[in-house]
Amino acid sequence: MTEVEFGQPLPSNLDYAVSFGIPTWESAVKYVEKDPYFVSKMKTGYPRYFPQPAIQTLCGHFIKKYGRNSVNCRPFPSLKCARDCLDHVKAKNGSKSKAYLASETFHLRDSSQNDSSQLTFTIAVVFAPDDEIEVVKEYWKLTGECVSSRLAAFINQCLEDVGSESSPYHLKRPEIALLKERGEDAKLQVKKRIADNHTKQLSGKKIAIDPLKDVFLVSSGMSSIFNTRKLLTSWESNKTSETSCYTAGVFGFPFKDTKVIMEKFGECLFFGFGDSRDVKQLKNYLEKGDNRILAIYLETPSNPMLNVPDLQNLRKLADDNEFFIIIDDTIGGLNINVLPYADIVCTSLTKLFSGSSNVMGGSILLNPQSKIYPFARTYFESTEFEELLWLQDAIVLEENSRDYEERTTKTNQNTKKLLDEVLLPLEGEIFKKVYYPSVSSKETLQNYDAIRYPEAGYGSLFSLSFYNEKDAKTFYDNLKVFKGPSNGTNFTLACPYVHLAHHFELDAVSKYGADAGFVRVSVGLEDIKWLARVFEDAIAAVKR
């Protein structure tokens, strides 16, 4: 059953669901506009944007114990994360800021063993009054360094066990030793899987990756972007050159929050097309006087336009001008080999790597051949970085990703058949344009094929633009698949992407092809005949 009411977990029977129901075009627009009726119907939401039920319960505990008049809060999985957030709020609001912090530490010992096996962690919460809480919420959303729903549920159970006892909490819980052992082993297996995925030889010399030294796990995909931005700032501030530059470039039209992070935590140059036009623009910028750039961030392919830049040309430009390339390969996944062109690879493990849509996570992979590698290794092994992926989330990620390769192959095949047999024949008639790496443009196809493994496909994500928003609305409302945010799920998932991400800047993003009448689709593992029939029914509704 794909009909999920607005604001309900998607799928409805899934614990810790990452996505939530947005069944109609109107509900998407009203949600973005914060219409009180739709806001009140939200039981859950995308975790970085909306505190899920277990986190709401945890916040209630902290507000009751440490809250003051007219405050709200957001919880962080470490004291350092919360302090960084508090510093950000105070830097923005100055001496008038009334934001503050409270923390509790948990010491857990296995009640079934007599050894010293112990698990210790701290939850820190940033409180702020109504006129400052939006800054806290934005920081929580953008950095992705959130308390996960599983961690919140685990803590809530601990708090039930000890009642109102003051922190620090000392508890005995069954199977703590097993949880710690399984969680750490799961992290190692996930790191090995990520390393293996990026060391398959496409051409040239194979790059050797050490999973223990070159792969780092974080609590979300955006956290991987945020932490590499912090790394680059640290790199630049440690240089003695008088021409220091904190500017990061975003190359291609990306998932919105990547660009926002670059703007909020430094300076940002935006090259929104991400094709040969912008390669020329970047060259022109670098050739003017003392212009420098610290790094460029890009996605392969970009989300939602599904474009791929000329990585070979960009790599040469980076080497000649001494900037770094950070690639988010979440969408391309196992289909492509980007490591030879990247100094760092960031991935959202929440998406296709997991597939099950019930856990958040992210990874940072260092290229040992990069100029920044020695510094990055030192940085990520220092106290500046914390590997905050919760043990239970790591266990779920490891289990979910065991069939990553098989799922990638299946969704590649489903997507190709759906496009070839149902959608592409109607491009220019029903659809204004179909965005997909093999058909978006000759340039993207050439650039994608240059990094594609011979046996691989073009992914499971595509976008459809319509000639008018009325047709887009009709198509979406009649499309009987799951509808909500996220992608890479084992089930087909659609959303009115441009409205969700860019509703208040429609004119600004339309120049890059991101029209208001825009539906993004992530294809799942369903029977292709069923999928074809569902999409044909939605098309028939538009024709009527």
Protein backbone atom coordinates (compact mmCIF):
# COMPACT_ATOMS: atom_id res chain seq x y z
CA MET A 1 0.00 0.00 0.00
CA THR A 2 1.66 3.22 -1.16
CA GLU A 3 -0.93 5.66 0.16
CA VAL A 4 0.72 7.21 3.23
CA GLU A 5 -0.98 10.19 4.86
CA PHE A 6 0.89 13.45 5.11
CA GLY A 7 3.38 13.56 7.99
CA GLN A 8 3.20 9.83 8.70
CA PRO A 9 6.26 7.51 8.58
CA LEU A 10 6.98 6.17 5.11
CA PRO A 11 6.42 3.24 4.78
CA SER A 12 3.83 3.35 7.55
CA ASN A 13 4.99 0.13 9.23
CA LEU A 14 8.69 1.08 9.33
CA ASP A 15 10.43 1.83 12.62
CA TYR A 16 12.83 4.78 12.47
CA ALA A 17 11.58 5.75 8.99
CA VAL A 18 13.78 8.36 7.34
CA SER A 19 11.09 9.58 4.94
CA PHE A 20 7.51 10.70 5.53
CA GLY A 21 4.36 10.93 3.47
CA ILE A 22 3.80 13.88 1.11
CA PRO A 23 0.94 12.39 -0.91
CA THR A 24 -0.20 15.44 -2.89
CA TRP A 25 1.31 18.46 -4.61
CA GLU A 26 -0.72 20.77 -2.38
CA SER A 27 0.59 19.10 0.79
CA ALA A 28 4.18 19.64 -0.40
CA VAL A 29 3.62 23.36 -1.02
CA LYS A 30 1.72 23.86 2.23
CA TYR A 31 4.40 21.96 4.16
CA VAL A 32 7.15 24.24 2.84
CA GLU A 33 5.04 27.29 3.59
CA LYS A 34 4.53 25.99 7.15
CA ASP A 35 0.77 25.98 6.89
CA PRO A 36 -0.49 25.34 10.48
CA TYR A 37 -2.89 22.62 9.38
CA PHE A 38 -0.17 20.54 7.73
CA VAL A 39 2.44 21.28 10.39
CA SER A 40 0.02 19.98 13.02
CA LYS A 41 -0.39 16.69 11.11
CA MET A 42 3.32 15.85 11.17
CA LYS A 43 4.01 12.82 13.30
CA THR A 44 7.51 12.55 11.91
CA GLY A 45 9.74 14.10 9.24
CA TYR A 46 13.13 13.93 7.61
CA PRO A 47 15.45 13.55 10.63
CA ARG A 48 17.72 16.56 10.04
CA TYR A 49 14.70 18.83 9.57
CA PHE A 50 12.24 17.43 12.07
CA PRO A 51 12.93 15.88 15.50
CA GLN A 52 11.38 12.44 15.35
CA PRO A 53 9.20 11.14 18.22
CA ALA A 54 12.03 9.63 20.28
CA ILE A 55 14.00 12.87 20.00
CA GLN A 56 10.95 14.88 21.02
CA THR A 57 10.70 12.73 24.15
CA LEU A 58 14.39 13.27 24.89
CA CYS A 59 13.99 17.03 24.43
CA GLY A 60 11.07 16.92 26.86
CA HIS A 61 13.32 15.41 29.52
CA PHE A 62 15.95 18.11 29.10
CA ILE A 63 13.45 20.97 28.96
CA LYS A 64 11.76 19.75 32.14
CA LYS A 65 15.09 19.47 33.93
CA TYR A 66 17.09 22.39 32.54
CA GLY A 67 14.65 24.54 30.60
CA ARG A 68 13.87 28.13 31.44
CA ASN A 69 10.96 30.26 30.35
CA SER A 70 10.16 30.22 26.61
CA VAL A 71 12.92 27.91 25.45
CA ASN A 72 13.17 25.16 22.91
CA CYS A 73 16.15 22.93 22.24
CA ARG A 74 18.07 20.55 19.98
CA PRO A 75 20.17 17.61 21.27
CA PHE A 76 23.68 16.77 20.05
CA PRO A 77 25.59 13.49 20.42
CA SER A 78 28.62 15.13 22.07
CA LEU A 79 29.56 18.09 24.21
CA LYS A 80 31.87 19.44 21.51
CA CYS A 81 29.10 19.48 18.89
CA ALA A 82 26.80 21.39 21.22
CA ARG A 83 29.52 23.88 22.18
CA ASP A 84 30.23 24.54 18.51
CA CYS A 85 26.53 25.18 17.96
CA LEU A 86 26.35 27.51 20.96
CA ASP A 87 29.41 29.42 19.72
CA HIS A 88 27.73 29.77 16.33
CA VAL A 89 24.53 31.14 17.89
CA LYS A 90 26.41 33.60 20.10
CA ALA A 91 28.61 34.74 17.20
CA LYS A 92 25.46 35.46 15.21
CA ASN A 93 23.45 37.13 17.99
CA GLY A 94 26.21 38.74 20.01
CA SER A 95 26.19 39.59 23.70
CA LYS A 96 22.39 39.70 23.79
CA SER A 97 22.16 35.97 23.15
CA LYS A 98 20.32 33.99 25.81
CA ALA A 99 21.17 30.58 24.38
CA TYR A 100 22.76 28.12 26.79
CA LEU A 101 23.82 24.51 27.09
CA ALA A 102 23.16 21.54 29.36
CA SER A 103 24.61 18.05 29.18
CA GLU A 104 24.26 14.63 30.76
CA THR A 105 26.76 11.79 30.73
CA PHE A 106 25.86 8.11 30.75
CA HIS A 107 28.16 5.36 32.05
CA LEU A 108 26.80 1.93 31.19
CA ARG A 109 28.14 -1.38 32.42
CA ASP A 110 27.03 -4.83 31.33
CA SER A 111 24.87 -6.33 34.07
CA SER A 112 25.47 -9.88 32.81
CA GLN A 113 29.25 -9.69 33.16
CA ASN A 114 31.65 -9.02 35.98
CA ASP A 115 34.27 -7.34 33.81
CA SER A 116 34.92 -3.62 33.34
CA SER A 117 33.29 -3.43 29.92
CA GLN A 118 31.80 0.03 29.79
CA LEU A 119 30.11 2.37 27.35
CA THR A 120 30.28 6.09 28.06
CA PHE A 121 28.72 8.92 26.08
CA THR A 122 27.43 12.44 26.63
CA ILE A 123 24.29 14.07 25.29
CA ALA A 124 24.46 17.85 25.17
CA VAL A 125 21.52 20.11 24.45
CA VAL A 126 21.48 23.71 23.22
CA PHE A 127 18.55 25.77 24.52
CA ALA A 128 17.39 29.05 23.06
CA PRO A 129 14.37 31.37 23.39
CA ASP A 130 11.94 31.81 20.51
CA ASP A 131 13.87 34.62 18.85
CA GLU A 132 17.07 32.50 18.65
CA ILE A 133 15.90 28.92 18.31
CA GLU A 134 15.72 29.11 14.50
CA VAL A 135 19.50 29.60 14.40
CA VAL A 136 19.93 26.46 16.54
CA LYS A 137 17.55 24.49 14.32
CA GLU A 138 19.38 25.60 11.17
CA TYR A 139 22.74 24.61 12.61
CA TRP A 140 21.35 21.20 13.63
CA LYS A 141 19.91 20.73 10.14
CA LEU A 142 22.93 21.88 8.14
CA THR A 143 25.70 20.19 10.12
CA GLY A 144 23.82 16.89 10.30
CA GLU A 145 25.40 16.20 13.68
CA CYS A 146 22.13 15.12 15.21
CA VAL A 147 21.23 12.65 17.91
CA SER A 148 19.80 9.75 15.93
CA SER A 149 16.35 8.35 16.68
CA ARG A 150 17.84 5.03 17.82
CA LEU A 151 20.23 6.78 20.19
CA ALA A 152 17.38 8.91 21.55
CA ALA A 153 15.21 5.83 22.11
CA PHE A 154 18.13 4.10 23.85
CA ILE A 155 18.66 7.09 26.16
CA ASN A 156 14.95 7.39 26.90
CA GLN A 157 14.96 3.78 28.07
CA CYS A 158 17.99 4.47 30.25
CA LEU A 159 16.22 7.47 31.79
CA GLU A 160 13.18 5.34 32.52
CA ASP A 161 15.42 2.85 34.32
CA VAL A 162 16.99 5.45 36.62
CA GLY A 163 14.08 7.84 37.11
CA SER A 164 15.05 11.40 37.99
CA GLU A 165 18.53 10.57 39.25
CA SER A 166 21.01 13.39 38.64
CA SER A 167 23.64 13.08 35.93
CA PRO A 168 26.12 11.50 35.50
CA TYR A 169 24.13 8.32 35.23
CA HIS A 170 25.67 5.01 36.17
CA LEU A 171 23.58 2.14 34.90
CA LYS A 172 23.82 -1.57 34.41
CA ARG A 173 22.14 -2.79 31.26
CA PRO A 174 22.05 -6.29 29.79
CA GLU A 175 24.12 -6.94 26.67
CA ILE A 176 26.09 -3.67 26.79
CA ALA A 177 29.25 -5.61 26.05
CA LEU A 178 27.56 -7.30 23.10
CA LEU A 179 26.21 -3.98 21.78
CA LYS A 180 29.66 -2.42 21.96
CA GLU A 181 31.29 -5.43 20.30
CA ARG A 182 28.70 -5.69 17.53
CA GLY A 183 28.63 -1.96 16.93
CA GLU A 184 32.39 -1.58 16.61
CA ASP A 185 32.58 -4.62 14.34
CA ALA A 186 29.77 -3.20 12.19
CA LYS A 187 31.67 0.07 11.82
CA LEU A 188 34.74 -1.83 10.68
CA GLN A 189 32.73 -3.85 8.17
CA VAL A 190 31.08 -0.70 6.80
CA LYS A 191 34.48 0.96 6.42
CA LYS A 192 35.84 -2.09 4.61
CA ARG A 193 32.80 -2.11 2.32
CA ILE A 194 33.29 1.56 1.49
CA ALA A 195 37.00 1.03 0.81
CA ASP A 196 36.28 -1.97 -1.42
CA ASN A 197 33.64 -0.01 -3.34
CA HIS A 198 36.18 2.68 -4.22
CA THR A 199 39.17 0.55 -5.10
CA LYS A 200 37.77 -1.40 -8.04
CA GLN A 201 40.09 -0.66 -10.95
CA LEU A 202 38.56 1.15 -13.92
CA SER A 203 41.69 2.40 -15.63
CA GLY A 204 45.18 3.30 -14.57
CA LYS A 205 46.75 2.39 -11.25
CA LYS A 206 44.59 1.06 -8.45
CA ILE A 207 44.50 3.30 -5.35
CA ALA A 208 45.14 1.43 -2.10
CA ILE A 209 42.74 2.35 0.72
CA ASP A 210 43.22 1.44 4.38
CA PRO A 211 39.72 1.20 5.92
CA LEU A 212 41.03 1.97 9.40
CA LYS A 213 43.03 5.04 8.39
CA ASP A 214 41.31 6.47 5.33
CA VAL A 215 37.56 6.01 6.01
CA PHE A 216 35.64 7.90 8.68
CA LEU A 217 31.99 7.52 9.66
CA VAL A 218 29.63 10.32 10.66
CA SER A 219 26.00 10.58 11.64
CA SER A 220 24.63 11.76 8.27
CA GLY A 221 25.60 12.60 4.72
CA MET A 222 25.48 16.33 5.41
CA SER A 223 27.79 15.81 8.36
CA SER A 224 30.39 14.48 5.92
CA ILE A 225 30.09 17.70 3.87
CA PHE A 226 30.21 19.88 7.00
CA ASN A 227 33.22 18.11 8.48
CA THR A 228 35.23 18.39 5.26
CA ARG A 229 34.40 22.11 5.17
CA LYS A 230 35.80 22.41 8.70
CA LEU A 231 38.88 20.47 7.61
CA LEU A 232 39.50 22.87 4.73
CA THR A 233 39.11 25.90 7.00
CA SER A 234 41.65 24.35 9.38
CA TRP A 235 44.03 23.65 6.47
CA GLU A 236 43.84 27.25 5.28
CA SER A 237 44.22 28.78 8.74
CA ASN A 238 47.37 26.71 9.30
CA LYS A 239 49.04 28.13 6.21
CA THR A 240 51.35 31.11 6.53
CA SER A 241 50.66 32.46 3.03
CA GLU A 242 49.40 36.03 2.89
CA THR A 243 47.05 35.05 0.06
CA SER A 244 44.88 32.81 2.25
CA CYS A 245 41.41 32.24 0.87
CA TYR A 246 38.43 30.64 2.59
CA THR A 247 36.33 30.48 -0.56
CA ALA A 248 34.77 27.18 -1.55
CA GLY A 249 33.14 26.66 -4.90
CA VAL A 250 30.01 24.63 -5.58
CA PHE A 251 30.19 23.18 -9.06
CA GLY A 252 26.92 22.13 -10.62
CA PHE A 253 23.39 22.42 -9.24
CA PRO A 254 23.56 20.37 -6.01
CA PHE A 255 21.31 19.30 -3.19
CA LYS A 256 20.47 22.65 -1.62
CA ASP A 257 22.06 22.25 1.81
CA THR A 258 25.55 21.71 0.36
CA LYS A 259 25.54 25.22 -1.09
CA VAL A 260 23.99 26.67 2.07
CA ILE A 261 26.76 25.13 4.22
CA MET A 262 29.40 26.80 2.04
CA GLU A 263 27.61 30.15 2.36
CA LYS A 264 26.98 29.94 6.12
CA PHE A 265 30.44 28.74 7.15
CA GLY A 266 32.64 30.70 4.75
CA GLU A 267 32.47 32.26 1.32
CA CYS A 268 31.01 30.51 -1.69
CA LEU A 269 31.34 30.74 -5.45
CA PHE A 270 28.49 29.06 -7.31
CA PHE A 271 28.87 27.49 -10.74
CA GLY A 272 25.30 26.31 -11.13
CA PHE A 273 25.43 24.62 -14.54
CA GLY A 274 28.44 22.43 -13.77
CA ASP A 275 29.28 21.89 -17.44
CA SER A 276 31.88 23.18 -19.92
CA ARG A 277 30.47 26.70 -19.57
CA ASP A 278 31.32 26.70 -15.88
CA VAL A 279 34.72 25.09 -16.43
CA LYS A 280 35.48 28.11 -18.61
CA GLN A 281 34.05 30.46 -15.97
CA LEU A 282 36.21 28.86 -13.30
CA LYS A 283 39.30 29.19 -15.48
CA ASN A 284 38.52 32.85 -16.12
CA TYR A 285 38.10 33.47 -12.40
CA LEU A 286 41.43 31.84 -11.56
CA GLU A 287 43.27 33.72 -14.29
CA LYS A 288 42.24 37.12 -12.95
CA GLY A 289 44.89 38.62 -10.70
CA ASP A 290 45.34 36.91 -7.35
CA ASN A 291 42.03 35.03 -7.37
CA ARG A 292 42.27 31.74 -5.53
CA ILE A 293 39.84 29.06 -4.53
CA LEU A 294 40.23 26.66 -1.65
CA ALA A 295 38.14 23.77 -3.01
CA ILE A 296 35.19 22.88 -5.15
CA TYR A 297 32.36 20.62 -4.10
CA LEU A 298 30.41 18.67 -6.68
CA GLU A 299 28.02 15.74 -6.97
CA THR A 300 28.27 12.82 -9.40
CA PRO A 301 25.64 12.97 -10.74
CA SER A 302 24.17 16.19 -9.39
CA ASN A 303 20.90 16.07 -7.46
CA PRO A 304 18.35 16.69 -8.96
CA MET A 305 19.61 17.64 -12.45
CA LEU A 306 21.64 14.43 -12.84
CA ASN A 307 24.52 16.19 -14.62
CA VAL A 308 28.17 15.12 -14.48
CA PRO A 309 31.10 17.51 -15.07
CA ASP A 310 34.35 16.78 -16.88
CA LEU A 311 36.31 15.38 -13.92
CA GLN A 312 39.52 14.92 -15.87
CA ASN A 313 39.56 18.57 -16.90
CA LEU A 314 38.63 19.72 -13.38
CA ARG A 315 41.37 17.55 -11.86
CA LYS A 316 43.98 19.16 -14.11
CA LEU A 317 42.63 22.60 -13.24
CA ALA A 318 42.79 21.78 -9.53
CA ASP A 319 46.37 20.53 -9.76
CA ASP A 320 47.50 23.56 -11.77
CA ASN A 321 45.83 26.03 -9.40
CA GLU A 322 46.31 24.19 -6.10
CA PHE A 323 42.73 23.72 -5.01
CA PHE A 324 41.00 20.56 -3.83
CA ILE A 325 38.07 18.58 -5.22
CA ILE A 326 35.50 17.09 -2.84
CA ILE A 327 33.04 14.76 -4.56
CA ASP A 328 29.69 13.64 -3.20
CA ASP A 329 29.11 10.31 -4.96
CA THR A 330 25.87 9.40 -3.17
CA ILE A 331 23.79 9.23 -6.36
CA GLY A 332 26.37 7.49 -8.56
CA GLY A 333 27.40 4.95 -5.95
CA LEU A 334 28.77 1.68 -7.28
CA ASN A 335 28.22 2.68 -10.91
CA ILE A 336 31.15 5.08 -11.10
CA ASN A 337 34.79 5.46 -10.09
CA VAL A 338 35.48 9.00 -8.83
CA LEU A 339 38.34 8.48 -6.38
CA PRO A 340 41.15 9.18 -8.92
CA TYR A 341 39.70 12.68 -9.42
CA ALA A 342 38.81 13.49 -5.81
CA ASP A 343 40.88 14.58 -2.85
CA ILE A 344 38.02 13.52 -0.60
CA VAL A 345 34.83 11.56 -1.30
CA CYS A 346 31.73 12.22 0.81
CA THR A 347 28.76 9.84 0.79
CA SER A 348 25.35 9.74 2.38
CA LEU A 349 25.00 6.16 3.61
CA THR A 350 21.34 6.92 4.33
CA LYS A 351 20.48 6.50 0.65
CA LEU A 352 21.27 3.60 -1.71
CA PHE A 353 24.06 2.21 0.49
CA SER A 354 21.39 1.39 3.08
CA GLY A 355 18.33 1.20 0.87
CA SER A 356 15.97 0.37 3.72
CA SER A 357 15.23 4.01 4.60
CA ASN A 358 15.45 3.36 8.33
CA VAL A 359 18.86 4.69 9.35
CA MET A 360 21.06 7.78 8.89
CA GLY A 361 24.80 7.78 8.29
CA GLY A 362 27.60 9.24 6.23
CA SER A 363 31.21 8.57 5.31
CA ILE A 364 34.36 10.51 4.50
CA LEU A 365 36.98 8.81 2.33
CA LEU A 366 40.46 10.29 1.97
CA ASN A 367 42.49 9.80 -1.20
CA PRO A 368 46.02 8.80 -0.07
CA GLN A 369 47.44 10.37 -3.24
CA SER A 370 46.04 13.81 -2.43
CA LYS A 371 48.19 16.72 -1.32
CA ILE A 372 45.88 17.28 1.63
CA TYR A 373 46.06 13.64 2.76
CA PRO A 374 48.76 13.94 5.50
CA PHE A 375 47.06 16.97 7.00
CA ALA A 376 43.61 15.39 6.72
CA ARG A 377 44.78 12.20 8.43
CA THR A 378 46.16 14.22 11.32
CA TYR A 379 43.00 16.32 11.52
CA PHE A 380 40.55 13.41 11.55
CA GLU A 381 42.63 11.56 14.13
CA SER A 382 42.73 14.61 16.42
CA THR A 383 40.16 15.90 18.89
CA GLU A 384 38.89 18.27 16.19
CA PHE A 385 36.89 15.37 14.76
CA GLU A 386 34.54 12.92 16.47
CA GLU A 387 33.26 9.74 14.85
CA LEU A 388 29.72 9.96 16.17
CA LEU A 389 27.84 7.23 14.32
CA TRP A 390 25.82 5.49 17.04
CA LEU A 391 26.53 1.77 17.54
CA GLN A 392 22.98 0.60 16.81
CA ASP A 393 22.86 2.68 13.64
CA ALA A 394 26.16 1.16 12.51
CA ILE A 395 24.74 -2.33 13.04
CA VAL A 396 21.69 -1.53 10.91
CA LEU A 397 23.82 0.09 8.19
CA GLU A 398 26.05 -2.94 7.99
CA GLU A 399 23.11 -5.33 7.73
CA ASN A 400 21.28 -3.19 5.17
CA SER A 401 24.32 -2.76 2.91
CA ARG A 402 25.18 -6.45 2.51
CA ASP A 403 23.25 -6.61 -0.77
CA TYR A 404 24.23 -3.12 -1.94
CA GLU A 405 25.67 -4.39 -5.23
CA GLU A 406 22.65 -6.55 -6.10
CA ARG A 407 20.23 -3.73 -5.31
CA THR A 408 22.24 -1.30 -7.42
CA THR A 409 22.09 -3.66 -10.40
CA LYS A 410 18.35 -4.24 -10.01
CA THR A 411 17.44 -0.56 -9.65
CA ASN A 412 19.68 0.31 -12.62
CA GLN A 413 17.75 -2.20 -14.74
CA ASN A 414 14.34 -1.07 -13.51
CA THR A 415 15.14 2.57 -14.17
CA LYS A 416 16.43 1.93 -17.69
CA LYS A 417 13.35 -0.08 -18.66
CA LEU A 418 10.96 2.46 -17.15
CA LEU A 419 12.63 5.31 -19.01
CA ASP A 420 13.09 3.51 -22.33
CA GLU A 421 9.65 1.91 -22.51
CA VAL A 422 7.36 4.42 -20.78
CA LEU A 423 8.82 7.89 -20.19
CA LEU A 424 11.36 8.82 -22.86
CA PRO A 425 8.96 8.17 -25.77
CA LEU A 426 6.81 10.98 -24.32
CA GLU A 427 9.61 13.54 -23.92
CA GLY A 428 8.55 16.60 -25.87
CA GLU A 429 4.87 15.64 -25.51
CA ILE A 430 3.97 15.06 -21.86
CA PHE A 431 7.39 15.80 -20.40
CA LYS A 432 9.31 18.94 -21.21
CA LYS A 433 12.58 17.17 -20.37
CA VAL A 434 13.78 13.96 -18.77
CA TYR A 435 16.90 14.37 -16.63
CA TYR A 436 19.06 11.25 -16.38
CA PRO A 437 22.81 10.79 -16.94
CA SER A 438 22.36 8.89 -20.21
CA VAL A 439 19.95 11.43 -21.72
CA SER A 440 20.36 14.80 -19.95
CA SER A 441 22.96 15.98 -22.47
CA LYS A 442 25.69 14.61 -24.72
CA GLU A 443 28.24 16.26 -22.45
CA THR A 444 26.92 14.57 -19.31
CA LEU A 445 26.75 11.19 -21.05
CA GLN A 446 30.36 11.52 -22.20
CA ASN A 447 31.54 12.61 -18.76
CA TYR A 448 29.58 9.87 -16.98
CA ASP A 449 30.84 7.16 -19.33
CA ALA A 450 34.42 8.29 -18.65
CA ILE A 451 34.02 7.26 -14.99
CA ARG A 452 31.44 4.45 -15.34
CA TYR A 453 32.42 0.86 -14.74
CA PRO A 454 31.83 -1.12 -17.98
CA GLU A 455 29.22 -3.40 -16.46
CA ALA A 456 27.44 -0.63 -14.52
CA GLY A 457 24.39 1.45 -15.32
CA TYR A 458 23.31 5.05 -14.92
CA GLY A 459 21.64 4.90 -11.54
CA SER A 460 18.16 4.82 -10.07
CA LEU A 461 17.38 8.54 -9.89
CA PHE A 462 15.77 10.67 -12.61
CA SER A 463 13.79 13.89 -12.77
CA LEU A 464 10.88 14.96 -14.94
CA SER A 465 10.01 18.53 -15.90
CA PHE A 466 6.62 19.46 -17.33
CA TYR A 467 5.40 22.25 -19.57
CA ASN A 468 3.29 23.67 -16.77
CA GLU A 469 2.82 23.11 -13.08
CA LYS A 470 -0.76 21.95 -13.51
CA ASP A 471 0.40 18.89 -15.46
CA ALA A 472 3.11 18.22 -12.90
CA LYS A 473 0.53 18.37 -10.11
CA THR A 474 -1.84 16.03 -11.96
CA PHE A 475 0.93 13.54 -12.67
CA TYR A 476 2.19 13.60 -9.07
CA ASP A 477 -1.22 13.34 -7.44
CA ASN A 478 -2.09 10.32 -9.62
CA LEU A 479 1.26 8.55 -9.29
CA LYS A 480 0.57 5.62 -6.96
CA VAL A 481 4.06 5.10 -5.55
CA PHE A 482 5.41 6.18 -2.18
CA LYS A 483 5.77 9.97 -2.12
CA GLY A 484 8.13 11.83 0.20
CA PRO A 485 11.73 13.07 0.57
CA SER A 486 14.96 11.02 0.30
CA ASN A 487 16.16 8.71 -2.48
CA GLY A 488 17.99 5.44 -3.02
CA THR A 489 15.25 3.51 -1.24
CA ASN A 490 14.35 -0.10 -1.96
CA PHE A 491 10.89 1.17 -2.90
CA THR A 492 10.12 3.73 -5.59
CA LEU A 493 9.85 7.20 -4.11
CA ALA A 494 8.78 10.47 -5.77
CA CYS A 495 8.70 14.08 -4.63
CA PRO A 496 8.04 17.58 -6.06
CA TYR A 497 11.71 18.35 -5.51
CA VAL A 498 12.01 21.97 -6.59
CA HIS A 499 9.15 23.08 -4.37
CA LEU A 500 10.51 21.14 -1.39
CA ALA A 501 14.04 22.54 -1.75
CA HIS A 502 13.60 25.88 -3.54
CA HIS A 503 10.00 27.04 -3.10
CA PHE A 504 11.03 30.56 -2.10
CA GLU A 505 13.59 31.01 -4.89
CA LEU A 506 11.82 29.56 -7.92
CA ASP A 507 12.90 32.30 -10.32
CA ALA A 508 16.54 32.08 -9.24
CA VAL A 509 16.80 28.31 -9.77
CA SER A 510 14.78 28.14 -12.98
CA LYS A 511 17.77 29.46 -14.98
CA TYR A 512 19.52 26.15 -14.22
CA GLY A 513 16.56 24.09 -15.44
CA ALA A 514 15.00 23.53 -12.02
CA ASP A 515 11.41 24.41 -12.91
CA ALA A 516 8.54 24.59 -10.44
CA GLY A 517 6.88 21.74 -12.36
CA PHE A 518 9.54 19.22 -11.47
CA VAL A 519 9.12 15.68 -10.13
CA ARG A 520 12.12 13.67 -8.94
CA VAL A 521 11.82 9.88 -8.88
CA SER A 522 14.01 7.31 -7.14
CA VAL A 523 13.30 3.87 -8.62
CA GLY A 524 13.14 0.85 -6.32
CA LEU A 525 13.10 -2.93 -6.52
CA GLU A 526 9.46 -3.48 -7.45
CA ASP A 527 8.33 -5.61 -10.37
CA ILE A 528 8.97 -3.55 -13.51
CA LYS A 529 5.59 -4.44 -15.04
CA TRP A 530 3.85 -3.00 -11.97
CA LEU A 531 6.03 0.11 -12.11
CA ALA A 532 5.32 0.66 -15.80
CA ARG A 533 1.58 0.35 -15.21
CA VAL A 534 1.65 2.83 -12.32
CA PHE A 535 3.50 5.45 -14.36
CA GLU A 536 1.26 4.85 -17.39
CA ASP A 537 -1.78 5.51 -15.21
CA ALA A 538 -0.32 8.84 -14.03
CA ILE A 539 0.48 9.80 -17.63
CA ALA A 540 -3.07 8.92 -18.68
CA ALA A 541 -4.39 11.29 -16.01
CA VAL A 542 -2.33 14.12 -17.52
CA LYS A 543 -3.61 13.32 -21.01
CA ARG A 544 -7.19 13.46 -19.79
